[in-house]
Every structure is written in structure tokens, then in C-alpha cells.
Amino acid sequence: MQQAGFSERHEPAASHPIAELLACPPTIGNMLNAATECIEFDAGDVIFHQNDVCRGLYVLISGQLIRKAARLDTRLNLGTVRAGEVVELAAMLGDVRHTYTLAAQTNGTVMRLPRESLLRAFQSYAPLRMQLLEELAREVSRAYAQCCATRQAGIRRRNANSAGV
């Protein structure tokens, strides 16, 4: 399902091997690299929508993306995606539904490793699933630490403002 204005090229991503990011044995890495697709996008394009079925793992190569979510009638910006980030581990390893919408802020390129290829890799090389679960745990930990730091900074600002009153 292609989004309006969303240009997909289904070519192997030889110049940016995804297997290097996933630290796989050569046979698994070659299979994953051959299956990886490069997708070009323009500013304003939606890469995927919240609650859509996850079609694979995404790695941002160039450009800037933003994560957006709708929660309890509120729209939230969850932050930007930096080059090299693996996107939507939770959806891929969990209930296979995207947990947020991913939209392009600038033109760029993203790699997608199709879900079916990743599932074949899990069957051939079981430690890969554990490596991805570990990365998901690190991602959650970084987000929690950032949230705590942001909250602490807000508390400090409020305390500084009320001390000066």
C-alpha cells in the first residue's frame, strides 16, 4: 500500500547493508541485504500510519522523520528519527501494529527490511530475535531516561521561578 507522493524503489540496499546493523552471520546477512528495499520520500509523506500492520523494520538513511501518535483524543509528537536509527522494533516484535505514525519532515531515504524476510532470518538464526529484543529494551531505557531528564528540568524551572517570586 503506497502513500500519495511516496516513491518506493524495491532495490536491494547494497550501499547500506542492514546486516551490519543487525550483526548477523554472513549467510543470514546476505539474505537480509538482498531483501532490503530502499524507499525515497518527500517532505510531508507518511511512511506508515499508527495502527496499520507493520510491513517490516525501517532504518533511516537520510532526511528527517517525525514520530506522531494519537492518544486519548490528543495528538503527540514523540520525537524525530535520526539517520541510522532502527524504527518500529516494538511493532515488528510485538503485535505487528504500528504504535505511531511516521511522517517525513524533509526529503530522504529509508530502508525497509520486509517482515517476511526477518521472520525467515529468525528461523535460521534464533539469536537475532534476542538481539532485537535487547535493542528494544535499550530504546525504551533511553526514552525513559530522556523523559525523566525532561521532567526534572521542568521541575527545576518551576522551583527557580517560584523562588524568585
Protein backbone atom coordinates (compact mmCIF):
# COMPACT_ATOMS: atom_id res chain seq x y z
CA MET A 1 0.00 0.00 0.00
CA GLN A 2 1.77 3.13 -1.24
CA GLN A 3 1.03 6.57 0.23
CA ALA A 4 0.32 9.54 -2.03
CA GLY A 5 3.60 11.07 -3.17
CA PHE A 6 5.55 8.24 -1.55
CA SER A 7 8.12 6.88 -4.02
CA GLU A 8 9.09 3.27 -3.38
CA ARG A 9 12.03 1.65 -5.11
CA HIS A 10 12.31 -2.04 -4.39
CA GLU A 11 16.02 -2.44 -4.93
CA PRO A 12 18.50 -4.26 -2.73
CA ALA A 13 20.22 -1.79 -0.42
CA ALA A 14 23.77 -2.85 -1.23
CA SER A 15 25.30 0.53 -0.34
CA HIS A 16 23.87 0.38 3.21
CA PRO A 17 23.94 -3.25 4.34
CA ILE A 18 21.36 -3.78 7.06
CA ALA A 19 23.09 -6.96 8.19
CA GLU A 20 25.94 -4.80 9.56
CA LEU A 21 23.42 -3.07 11.81
CA LEU A 22 22.00 -6.40 12.96
CA ALA A 23 25.34 -8.24 13.40
CA CYS A 24 24.30 -11.46 11.61
CA PRO A 25 26.33 -14.35 10.28
CA PRO A 26 27.26 -13.85 6.59
CA THR A 27 24.62 -16.21 5.15
CA ILE A 28 21.80 -14.53 7.10
CA GLY A 29 23.25 -11.10 6.36
CA ASN A 30 23.35 -11.77 2.63
CA MET A 31 19.71 -12.89 2.67
CA LEU A 32 18.64 -9.79 4.63
CA ASN A 33 20.66 -7.42 2.43
CA ALA A 34 19.11 -8.89 -0.72
CA ALA A 35 15.59 -8.43 0.70
CA THR A 36 16.09 -4.86 1.96
CA GLU A 37 14.28 -2.15 0.00
CA CYS A 38 15.29 1.49 -0.40
CA ILE A 39 12.35 3.87 -0.22
CA GLU A 40 12.66 7.51 -1.18
CA PHE A 41 10.28 10.00 0.39
CA ASP A 42 9.39 13.68 0.11
CA ALA A 43 8.63 16.16 2.89
CA GLY A 44 5.08 15.58 4.08
CA ASP A 45 4.89 11.91 3.02
CA VAL A 46 3.65 9.38 5.57
CA ILE A 47 5.89 6.33 5.77
CA PHE A 48 3.29 4.41 7.82
CA HIS A 49 0.22 5.16 9.93
CA GLN A 50 -0.44 4.32 13.57
CA ASN A 51 -2.36 1.01 13.89
CA ASP A 52 -1.51 -0.15 10.33
CA VAL A 53 0.01 -3.62 10.06
CA CYS A 54 3.81 -3.41 10.28
CA ARG A 55 5.46 -4.35 6.97
CA GLY A 56 8.99 -4.57 8.36
CA LEU A 57 11.83 -2.82 10.13
CA TYR A 58 12.89 0.61 8.89
CA VAL A 59 16.30 2.30 9.06
CA LEU A 60 16.60 5.98 8.20
CA ILE A 61 19.44 6.61 5.74
CA SER A 62 18.96 10.33 5.06
CA GLY A 63 16.44 13.06 5.76
CA GLN A 64 14.37 13.71 8.84
CA LEU A 65 11.30 11.86 10.09
CA ILE A 66 8.97 12.58 13.00
CA ARG A 67 7.00 10.15 15.14
CA LYS A 68 3.42 11.22 15.88
CA ALA A 69 0.76 9.43 17.92
CA ALA A 70 -2.88 9.89 18.80
CA ARG A 71 -3.64 9.02 22.42
CA LEU A 72 -6.94 9.73 24.17
CA ASP A 73 -8.06 12.38 21.67
CA THR A 74 -4.66 14.09 21.89
CA ARG A 75 -2.03 14.30 19.16
CA LEU A 76 1.52 13.90 20.43
CA ASN A 77 4.88 14.47 18.76
CA LEU A 78 7.06 11.66 20.03
CA GLY A 79 10.30 12.99 18.57
CA THR A 80 12.42 12.80 15.48
CA VAL A 81 14.25 9.88 13.90
CA ARG A 82 17.99 10.23 13.28
CA ALA A 83 19.97 8.62 10.47
CA GLY A 84 20.93 5.07 11.37
CA GLU A 85 18.02 4.51 13.77
CA VAL A 86 16.08 1.26 13.52
CA VAL A 87 12.37 2.13 13.59
CA GLU A 88 9.43 0.12 14.92
CA LEU A 89 11.09 -2.76 16.70
CA ALA A 90 8.07 -2.85 19.04
CA ALA A 91 5.62 -3.38 16.19
CA MET A 92 7.83 -5.95 14.49
CA LEU A 93 8.45 -7.98 17.64
CA GLY A 94 5.06 -7.38 19.25
CA ASP A 95 1.51 -7.33 17.96
CA VAL A 96 2.61 -6.25 14.45
CA ARG A 97 0.66 -2.95 14.52
CA HIS A 98 2.45 0.38 14.28
CA THR A 99 2.37 2.23 17.58
CA TYR A 100 2.68 5.66 15.93
CA THR A 101 2.61 7.45 12.57
CA LEU A 102 5.95 8.12 10.90
CA ALA A 103 5.99 11.21 8.67
CA ALA A 104 8.71 12.91 6.63
CA GLN A 105 9.81 16.40 7.61
CA THR A 106 12.33 16.58 4.74
CA ASN A 107 13.14 14.59 1.59
CA GLY A 108 15.18 11.48 2.22
CA THR A 109 15.61 7.73 2.04
CA VAL A 110 14.68 4.92 4.38
CA MET A 111 15.50 1.21 4.14
CA ARG A 112 12.80 -1.34 4.87
CA LEU A 113 13.58 -4.92 5.79
CA PRO A 114 10.37 -6.78 4.94
CA ARG A 115 8.72 -8.64 7.80
CA GLU A 116 8.70 -11.97 5.92
CA SER A 117 12.48 -11.84 5.39
CA LEU A 118 13.09 -11.04 9.03
CA LEU A 119 10.86 -13.94 10.12
CA ARG A 120 12.88 -16.28 7.85
CA ALA A 121 16.07 -14.95 9.44
CA PHE A 122 14.65 -15.65 12.93
CA GLN A 123 14.02 -19.27 11.89
CA SER A 124 17.55 -19.66 10.53
CA TYR A 125 19.36 -17.70 13.23
CA ALA A 126 17.40 -17.63 16.51
CA PRO A 127 19.81 -15.26 18.37
CA LEU A 128 18.74 -12.45 16.02
CA ARG A 129 15.34 -12.16 17.74
CA MET A 130 17.09 -11.81 21.12
CA GLN A 131 19.47 -9.16 19.73
CA LEU A 132 16.48 -7.14 18.51
CA LEU A 133 14.69 -7.56 21.86
CA GLU A 134 17.82 -6.28 23.60
CA GLU A 135 17.90 -3.26 21.26
CA LEU A 136 14.22 -2.60 22.00
CA ALA A 137 14.99 -2.69 25.74
CA ARG A 138 17.82 -0.16 25.21
CA GLU A 139 15.46 2.04 23.17
CA VAL A 140 12.84 2.01 25.95
CA SER A 141 15.53 2.73 28.54
CA ARG A 142 16.84 5.73 26.55
CA ALA A 143 13.31 7.09 26.13
CA TYR A 144 12.64 6.68 29.85
CA ALA A 145 15.89 8.43 30.77
CA GLN A 146 15.09 11.30 28.40
CA CYS A 147 11.58 11.60 29.82
CA CYS A 148 12.96 11.72 33.39
CA ALA A 149 15.57 14.32 32.44
CA THR A 150 12.94 16.48 30.74
CA ARG A 151 10.65 16.21 33.75
CA GLN A 152 13.48 17.07 36.15
CA ALA A 153 14.37 20.13 34.06
CA GLY A 154 10.73 21.26 34.21
CA ILE A 155 10.63 20.84 37.99
CA ARG A 156 13.87 22.82 38.36
CA ARG A 157 12.48 25.66 36.22
CA ARG A 158 9.27 25.79 38.26
CA ASN A 159 11.22 25.79 41.52
CA ALA A 160 13.53 28.56 40.24
CA ASN A 161 10.54 30.64 39.14
CA SER A 162 8.69 30.23 42.44
CA ALA A 163 11.84 31.02 44.48
CA GLY A 164 12.18 34.35 42.71
CA VAL A 165 8.55 35.34 43.43
